[in-house]
């Protein structure tokens, strides 16, 4: 039998979906599985977007422009202007989700064997995207006790080598919910300038910031036009994860030109999904205001009920809709799998994401899980109750 590639064999498994088989088997046994493992919001997508899909009247679902339609990109320009981000439509390349935007960015700026510096914890699929591009992730540890704030800038600079091509963060952070301050972002930006490397920032959770914290975009920073690459998406903002529409934004024309060549090779972003997302951008601000209010409520509930569980510690998220939870277990992978295979209460169990995959080291995060507070209040309380009951049973 032919062998698959080493790259394919060695790609890390997503901690978010790695237990999908066990969850499906549990469901086949008649068990209801509460999903706190994945950032799939249960809020309704905008009515305008759904109506646009229902009313799509073209006779052909045709290819669109590789960079995305002018009308959609112009609406994005208006959206960013509302956030004091000044860009032109030519700075935007529409992608099939933020995932493709990240892969394109890496393909444009790295060669095989190059390195990315990413403060931990980070979205697990970053490491997968990097591995697929032949790039090494250099994780910079941060501490649970500091709520995963940025490590000191000297530690980050010490990790920069001749192979370093970019600093890369998610702001607000997935999985911790940490929101980087203006000072932290400026420090990273200055490093990018000093060492002539790129600064990539995934800002897909921009709207979801709590407790009076302010989201600062990489595009707000001065003197970074040639270094900054912004990654964004419609998925979380408008509860349209399945539409798979994201974008890569940069004022660096060489990156834009290279990215367009990759975009042309895959032809275009999804036509109907793009049509729906363009309609979503016309949704009144009240849609986002209501979503933010709902996630703030869920965050309060999640933290309150998690803190009631003996032996459990919770990182307090300042943004996004995730938190990292430290459990009284030594192997959260084993515990998460056991919950699906061996535990149920009144025909119900819980699926979570083991946190080790959000760190670059083999042992980091082994006693943690990431949960997404994407269920309504009643289901969220029940899910956390299942976590408590599961821990009690697991430790006997």
Protein backbone atom coordinates (compact mmCIF):
# COMPACT_ATOMS: atom_id res chain seq x y z
CA UNK A 1 0.00 0.00 0.00
CA UNK A 2 1.40 3.47 -0.82
CA UNK A 3 2.51 5.58 2.13
CA UNK A 4 0.94 8.93 2.95
CA UNK A 5 3.15 11.97 3.47
CA UNK A 6 5.01 12.59 6.73
CA UNK A 7 3.26 15.95 6.82
CA UNK A 8 -0.16 14.31 6.71
CA UNK A 9 0.79 11.67 9.24
CA UNK A 10 2.25 14.18 11.67
CA UNK A 11 -0.44 16.87 11.53
CA UNK A 12 -1.80 17.51 15.03
CA UNK A 13 -5.37 16.40 15.70
CA UNK A 14 -7.86 19.14 16.53
CA UNK A 15 -8.74 19.03 20.26
CA UNK A 16 -12.06 20.62 19.32
CA UNK A 17 -13.23 17.73 17.11
CA UNK A 18 -10.94 14.85 18.08
CA UNK A 19 -13.67 13.19 20.16
CA UNK A 20 -16.40 13.58 17.52
CA UNK A 21 -16.47 9.80 16.96
CA UNK A 22 -17.09 9.15 20.66
CA UNK A 23 -19.80 11.83 20.71
CA UNK A 24 -21.55 10.27 17.71
CA UNK A 25 -21.44 6.84 19.32
CA UNK A 26 -22.95 8.28 22.51
CA UNK A 27 -25.73 9.90 20.48
CA UNK A 28 -26.38 6.59 18.71
CA UNK A 29 -26.91 5.05 22.16
CA UNK A 30 -29.61 7.66 22.78
CA UNK A 31 -27.47 9.95 24.95
CA UNK A 32 -27.97 13.70 24.55
CA UNK A 33 -24.56 15.37 24.26
CA UNK A 34 -24.17 18.99 25.40
CA UNK A 35 -21.52 20.59 23.19
CA UNK A 36 -19.24 23.04 24.98
CA UNK A 37 -16.30 21.88 22.86
CA UNK A 38 -16.78 24.12 19.83
CA UNK A 39 -17.47 27.80 19.20
CA UNK A 40 -20.70 27.24 17.32
CA UNK A 41 -23.11 29.91 18.58
CA UNK A 42 -26.76 28.94 19.00
CA UNK A 43 -27.93 32.49 18.27
CA UNK A 44 -29.99 32.84 15.10
CA UNK A 45 -28.16 34.12 12.04
CA UNK A 46 -29.39 37.52 10.80
CA UNK A 47 -32.79 37.34 9.12
CA UNK A 48 -31.43 39.44 6.27
CA UNK A 49 -28.79 36.80 5.52
CA UNK A 50 -31.26 33.93 5.60
CA UNK A 51 -33.67 35.84 3.37
CA UNK A 52 -30.86 36.51 0.90
CA UNK A 53 -30.26 32.76 0.62
CA UNK A 54 -33.96 32.00 0.19
CA UNK A 55 -34.35 34.73 -2.43
CA UNK A 56 -31.19 33.99 -4.42
CA UNK A 57 -32.55 34.29 -7.94
CA UNK A 58 -29.61 33.90 -10.32
CA UNK A 59 -30.08 31.15 -12.88
CA UNK A 60 -26.50 29.96 -12.35
CA UNK A 61 -24.43 29.70 -9.16
CA UNK A 62 -21.43 31.10 -10.98
CA UNK A 63 -17.83 31.77 -10.06
CA UNK A 64 -17.27 35.19 -8.55
CA UNK A 65 -14.12 37.33 -8.45
CA UNK A 66 -11.19 35.58 -6.75
CA UNK A 67 -10.76 38.49 -4.33
CA UNK A 68 -14.48 38.68 -3.53
CA UNK A 69 -17.08 41.01 -5.04
CA UNK A 70 -16.48 44.76 -5.03
CA UNK A 71 -19.86 45.34 -3.38
CA UNK A 72 -19.02 43.06 -0.44
CA UNK A 73 -15.56 44.53 0.02
CA UNK A 74 -16.96 48.06 -0.08
CA UNK A 75 -19.44 47.14 2.65
CA UNK A 76 -16.55 45.76 4.69
CA UNK A 77 -14.73 49.08 4.24
CA UNK A 78 -17.77 50.86 5.72
CA UNK A 79 -17.92 48.35 8.58
CA UNK A 80 -14.26 48.91 9.45
CA UNK A 81 -14.67 52.68 9.25
CA UNK A 82 -17.24 52.38 12.05
CA UNK A 83 -14.40 50.84 14.10
CA UNK A 84 -11.95 53.62 13.12
CA UNK A 85 -10.05 51.26 10.83
CA UNK A 86 -9.13 53.00 7.57
CA UNK A 87 -8.65 50.58 4.70
CA UNK A 88 -9.53 50.42 1.01
CA UNK A 89 -11.38 47.66 -0.82
CA UNK A 90 -8.08 46.81 -2.57
CA UNK A 91 -6.58 45.93 0.84
CA UNK A 92 -9.17 43.15 1.34
CA UNK A 93 -9.06 39.64 -0.04
CA UNK A 94 -12.17 37.58 0.72
CA UNK A 95 -11.46 34.00 1.73
CA UNK A 96 -13.24 30.76 2.51
CA UNK A 97 -13.35 31.43 6.24
CA UNK A 98 -10.62 32.90 8.42
CA UNK A 99 -8.87 29.52 8.17
CA UNK A 100 -8.09 30.03 4.48
CA UNK A 101 -7.00 33.60 5.23
CA UNK A 102 -4.45 32.30 7.73
CA UNK A 103 -3.18 29.60 5.38
CA UNK A 104 -2.85 32.13 2.55
CA UNK A 105 -1.01 34.55 4.83
CA UNK A 106 1.44 31.84 5.84
CA UNK A 107 1.89 30.72 2.24
CA UNK A 108 2.68 34.32 1.28
CA UNK A 109 5.21 35.13 3.99
CA UNK A 110 6.94 31.86 4.94
CA UNK A 111 9.19 29.24 3.45
CA UNK A 112 9.53 25.68 4.66
CA UNK A 113 11.49 25.60 7.91
CA UNK A 114 10.55 29.13 8.94
CA UNK A 115 9.07 29.92 12.37
CA UNK A 116 6.06 31.71 13.83
CA UNK A 117 6.07 33.07 17.37
CA UNK A 118 2.69 32.71 19.09
CA UNK A 119 2.00 33.45 22.78
CA UNK A 120 0.25 30.54 24.48
CA UNK A 121 -2.47 29.47 24.65
CA UNK A 122 -3.49 29.78 21.00
CA UNK A 123 -6.21 28.46 18.71
CA UNK A 124 -5.21 24.85 18.15
CA UNK A 125 -5.60 24.91 14.38
CA UNK A 126 -2.86 27.54 14.06
CA UNK A 127 -0.38 24.75 14.64
CA UNK A 128 -2.12 22.60 12.02
CA UNK A 129 -2.07 25.41 9.45
CA UNK A 130 1.60 26.06 10.18
CA UNK A 131 2.49 22.37 9.90
CA UNK A 132 0.68 22.16 6.56
CA UNK A 133 2.89 25.03 5.34
CA UNK A 134 6.06 23.40 6.71
CA UNK A 135 6.40 26.09 9.39
CA UNK A 136 7.31 25.60 13.06
CA UNK A 137 5.27 27.24 15.81
CA UNK A 138 7.37 28.64 18.66
CA UNK A 139 5.02 28.95 21.62
CA UNK A 140 5.73 31.53 24.33
CA UNK A 141 4.34 30.31 27.68
CA UNK A 142 1.99 32.51 29.67
CA UNK A 143 0.44 31.74 33.04
CA UNK A 144 -3.03 30.76 34.17
CA UNK A 145 -2.48 32.90 37.27
CA UNK A 146 -2.00 36.05 35.14
CA UNK A 147 -5.12 35.23 33.10
CA UNK A 148 -2.77 34.53 30.17
CA UNK A 149 -1.61 38.11 29.75
CA UNK A 150 1.26 38.71 27.33
CA UNK A 151 4.61 37.40 28.63
CA UNK A 152 7.29 40.03 29.09
CA UNK A 153 8.49 41.43 25.80
CA UNK A 154 12.12 40.44 26.49
CA UNK A 155 11.10 36.78 26.59
CA UNK A 156 9.34 37.12 23.25
CA UNK A 157 12.25 38.96 21.65
CA UNK A 158 14.68 36.31 22.88
CA UNK A 159 12.73 33.73 20.83
CA UNK A 160 13.19 35.66 17.56
CA UNK A 161 15.75 34.04 15.24
CA UNK A 162 16.78 34.37 11.61
CA UNK A 163 13.96 31.90 10.82
CA UNK A 164 11.22 33.97 12.46
CA UNK A 165 8.79 35.35 9.90
CA UNK A 166 5.96 36.66 12.06
CA UNK A 167 4.46 37.30 15.46
CA UNK A 168 0.92 35.91 15.58
CA UNK A 169 -1.86 36.48 18.12
CA UNK A 170 -5.63 36.15 18.41
CA UNK A 171 -7.28 39.20 19.96
CA UNK A 172 -9.58 38.61 21.81
CA UNK A 173 -7.90 35.31 22.45
CA UNK A 174 -9.30 31.90 21.69
CA UNK A 175 -9.14 29.87 23.98
CA UNK A 176 -8.54 32.11 27.02
CA UNK A 177 -10.70 35.15 26.28
CA UNK A 178 -7.78 37.46 27.06
CA UNK A 179 -7.95 40.92 25.44
CA UNK A 180 -4.56 42.48 24.67
CA UNK A 181 -4.01 46.04 25.82
CA UNK A 182 -2.85 48.85 23.56
CA UNK A 183 0.53 48.77 25.32
CA UNK A 184 0.95 45.03 24.71
CA UNK A 185 0.02 45.41 21.04
CA UNK A 186 2.36 48.35 20.58
CA UNK A 187 5.20 46.36 22.14
CA UNK A 188 4.63 43.52 19.68
CA UNK A 189 4.34 45.97 16.81
CA UNK A 190 7.66 47.56 17.72
CA UNK A 191 9.27 44.12 17.74
CA UNK A 192 7.90 43.46 14.26
CA UNK A 193 9.39 46.72 13.01
CA UNK A 194 12.72 46.23 14.79
CA UNK A 195 13.22 42.71 13.40
CA UNK A 196 11.52 43.37 10.05
CA UNK A 197 8.93 40.61 10.43
CA UNK A 198 5.17 40.45 10.05
CA UNK A 199 2.56 40.90 12.77
CA UNK A 200 -0.54 38.75 12.14
CA UNK A 201 -3.61 39.35 14.30
CA UNK A 202 -6.76 37.21 14.19
CA UNK A 203 -9.58 39.58 15.20
CA UNK A 204 -12.66 37.43 14.55
CA UNK A 205 -14.03 38.09 18.07
CA UNK A 206 -13.60 41.89 17.86
CA UNK A 207 -17.15 42.74 18.97
CA UNK A 208 -17.18 40.47 22.00
CA UNK A 209 -15.32 42.45 24.67
CA UNK A 210 -16.59 42.79 28.26
CA UNK A 211 -16.18 44.75 31.51
CA UNK A 212 -15.40 48.02 29.77
CA UNK A 213 -12.30 46.69 28.02
CA UNK A 214 -11.49 48.17 24.62
CA UNK A 215 -10.55 46.20 21.56
CA UNK A 216 -7.54 47.66 19.75
CA UNK A 217 -7.00 46.53 16.17
CA UNK A 218 -3.57 45.90 14.68
CA UNK A 219 -4.68 48.45 12.07
CA UNK A 220 -4.85 51.11 14.79
CA UNK A 221 -1.11 50.85 15.43
CA UNK A 222 1.25 53.37 13.87
CA UNK A 223 4.02 52.64 11.35
CA UNK A 224 2.93 49.03 10.77
CA UNK A 225 1.45 49.32 7.27
CA UNK A 226 4.05 46.98 5.73
CA UNK A 227 4.05 44.56 8.66
CA UNK A 228 0.40 44.16 9.73
CA UNK A 229 -1.88 41.38 8.47
CA UNK A 230 -5.43 41.35 9.82
CA UNK A 231 -7.46 38.12 9.78
CA UNK A 232 -11.23 38.41 10.09
CA UNK A 233 -14.41 36.40 9.60
CA UNK A 234 -18.19 36.65 9.44
CA UNK A 235 -18.61 33.36 11.33
CA UNK A 236 -18.72 34.41 14.98
CA UNK A 237 -19.94 37.99 14.55
CA UNK A 238 -23.11 36.98 12.72
CA UNK A 239 -23.48 33.36 13.89
CA UNK A 240 -22.75 32.17 10.35
CA UNK A 241 -19.96 29.64 10.95
CA UNK A 242 -21.11 27.38 8.12
CA UNK A 243 -21.03 30.18 5.55
CA UNK A 244 -17.21 30.05 5.58
CA UNK A 245 -16.55 33.68 4.66
CA UNK A 246 -13.48 35.43 6.04
CA UNK A 247 -10.88 37.88 4.81
CA UNK A 248 -7.20 38.74 4.76
CA UNK A 249 -6.50 42.47 5.07
CA UNK A 250 -3.16 44.19 4.64
CA UNK A 251 -1.71 47.38 3.19
CA UNK A 252 1.41 45.47 2.14
CA UNK A 253 0.97 45.32 -1.64
CA UNK A 254 3.45 42.47 -2.10
CA UNK A 255 1.43 40.31 0.29
CA UNK A 256 -1.82 41.30 -1.44
CA UNK A 257 -0.37 40.44 -4.86
CA UNK A 258 0.93 37.07 -3.70
CA UNK A 259 -2.32 36.26 -1.87
CA UNK A 260 -4.34 37.02 -4.99
CA UNK A 261 -2.32 34.43 -6.91
CA UNK A 262 -3.22 31.81 -4.30
CA UNK A 263 -6.83 33.02 -4.41
CA UNK A 264 -7.00 32.74 -8.19
CA UNK A 265 -5.74 29.16 -8.01
CA UNK A 266 -8.77 28.20 -5.89
CA UNK A 267 -10.99 30.38 -8.10
CA UNK A 268 -13.35 32.20 -5.69
CA UNK A 269 -15.00 32.27 -2.27
CA UNK A 270 -18.44 30.57 -2.05
CA UNK A 271 -20.91 32.58 -4.15
CA UNK A 272 -24.15 32.05 -2.22
CA UNK A 273 -22.46 32.34 1.18
CA UNK A 274 -20.88 35.62 0.11
CA UNK A 275 -24.29 36.85 -1.05
CA UNK A 276 -25.73 36.04 2.38
CA UNK A 277 -22.85 37.66 4.26
CA UNK A 278 -23.19 40.84 2.23
CA UNK A 279 -26.81 41.00 3.34
CA UNK A 280 -25.76 40.41 6.98
CA UNK A 281 -23.64 43.56 6.86
CA UNK A 282 -26.88 45.53 6.42
CA UNK A 283 -28.28 44.13 9.67
CA UNK A 284 -29.03 46.86 12.25
CA UNK A 285 -26.48 47.32 15.04
CA UNK A 286 -29.11 46.01 17.45
CA UNK A 287 -28.35 42.47 16.25
CA UNK A 288 -24.76 42.70 17.50
CA UNK A 289 -25.75 44.61 20.64
CA UNK A 290 -28.17 41.81 21.57
CA UNK A 291 -25.53 39.15 20.86
CA UNK A 292 -22.95 40.90 23.05
CA UNK A 293 -25.47 41.23 25.88
CA UNK A 294 -26.36 37.54 25.62
CA UNK A 295 -22.72 36.41 25.71
CA UNK A 296 -22.04 38.65 28.70
CA UNK A 297 -24.90 36.95 30.52
CA UNK A 298 -23.65 33.49 29.59
CA UNK A 299 -20.13 34.38 30.69
CA UNK A 300 -21.43 35.42 34.12
CA UNK A 301 -23.39 32.18 34.45
CA UNK A 302 -20.47 30.02 33.30
CA UNK A 303 -18.01 31.61 35.73
CA UNK A 304 -20.51 31.52 38.63
CA UNK A 305 -21.36 27.85 38.24
CA UNK A 306 -17.83 26.69 37.43
CA UNK A 307 -16.53 28.41 40.56
CA UNK A 308 -18.98 26.36 42.63
CA UNK A 309 -17.24 23.10 41.65
CA UNK A 310 -14.68 21.98 44.23
CA UNK A 311 -11.14 21.81 42.86
CA UNK A 312 -11.95 23.79 39.70
CA UNK A 313 -10.32 27.10 38.72
CA UNK A 314 -11.45 29.33 35.87
CA UNK A 315 -9.65 31.95 33.82
CA UNK A 316 -11.81 35.07 33.61
CA UNK A 317 -12.35 35.89 29.93
CA UNK A 318 -12.34 39.56 28.98
CA UNK A 319 -13.61 38.79 25.49
CA UNK A 320 -14.69 36.14 22.95
CA UNK A 321 -16.90 33.33 24.30
CA UNK A 322 -14.47 30.81 25.75
CA UNK A 323 -12.67 30.18 29.00
CA UNK A 324 -9.99 27.78 30.16
CA UNK A 325 -10.92 25.65 33.14
CA UNK A 326 -8.38 23.92 35.36
CA UNK A 327 -9.71 20.57 36.64
CA UNK A 328 -8.63 18.29 39.48
CA UNK A 329 -7.44 15.69 36.94
CA UNK A 330 -4.04 14.87 35.48
CA UNK A 331 -5.19 14.05 31.95
CA UNK A 332 -8.09 16.08 30.56
CA UNK A 333 -7.96 14.09 27.30
CA UNK A 334 -8.76 10.91 29.18
CA UNK A 335 -11.44 12.64 31.25
CA UNK A 336 -13.15 14.18 28.19
CA UNK A 337 -13.19 10.82 26.42
CA UNK A 338 -14.48 9.07 29.57
CA UNK A 339 -17.34 11.58 29.81
CA UNK A 340 -18.55 10.51 26.36
CA UNK A 341 -17.90 6.80 26.69
CA UNK A 342 -18.64 5.99 30.32
CA UNK A 343 -20.71 8.75 31.92
CA UNK A 344 -24.29 9.89 31.65
CA UNK A 345 -26.85 11.41 33.97
CA UNK A 346 -30.50 10.97 33.05
CA UNK A 347 -29.47 10.22 29.50
CA UNK A 348 -27.23 13.29 29.14
CA UNK A 349 -23.49 13.91 28.99
CA UNK A 350 -21.01 16.63 28.05
CA UNK A 351 -18.41 17.19 25.34
CA UNK A 352 -15.50 19.55 26.06
CA UNK A 353 -12.20 20.38 24.35
CA UNK A 354 -9.07 19.12 26.16
CA UNK A 355 -6.73 22.10 26.45
CA UNK A 356 -3.37 20.47 25.73
CA UNK A 357 -3.88 21.12 22.02
CA UNK A 358 -3.98 24.86 22.67
CA UNK A 359 -0.36 24.80 23.88
CA UNK A 360 2.81 23.90 22.00
CA UNK A 361 4.34 21.74 24.75
CA UNK A 362 3.45 18.08 25.35
CA UNK A 363 2.50 18.55 29.00
CA UNK A 364 1.08 22.09 29.13
CA UNK A 365 -2.68 22.29 29.61
CA UNK A 366 -3.05 18.60 30.49
CA UNK A 367 -5.19 19.50 33.51
CA UNK A 368 -7.36 22.00 31.61
CA UNK A 369 -10.30 22.07 29.26
CA UNK A 370 -11.67 24.83 27.08
CA UNK A 371 -15.38 25.44 27.20
CA UNK A 372 -17.41 27.64 24.86
CA UNK A 373 -20.38 29.38 26.45
CA UNK A 374 -22.45 29.10 23.28
CA UNK A 375 -25.55 27.42 24.76
CA UNK A 376 -28.51 29.25 26.25
CA UNK A 377 -28.54 29.84 30.00
CA UNK A 378 -30.62 26.80 30.93
CA UNK A 379 -28.53 24.41 28.83
CA UNK A 380 -25.29 26.02 30.00
CA UNK A 381 -26.20 25.49 33.66
CA UNK A 382 -27.14 21.87 32.92
CA UNK A 383 -23.88 21.32 31.02
CA UNK A 384 -21.78 22.63 33.90
CA UNK A 385 -23.82 20.50 36.31
CA UNK A 386 -22.90 17.49 34.15
CA UNK A 387 -19.25 18.52 34.43
CA UNK A 388 -19.52 18.55 38.22
CA UNK A 389 -21.31 15.19 38.35
CA UNK A 390 -18.81 13.74 35.90
CA UNK A 391 -15.84 14.90 37.96
CA UNK A 392 -17.39 13.44 41.11
CA UNK A 393 -17.85 10.07 39.42
CA UNK A 394 -14.45 10.14 37.67
CA UNK A 395 -12.57 10.73 40.92
CA UNK A 396 -14.19 7.86 42.84
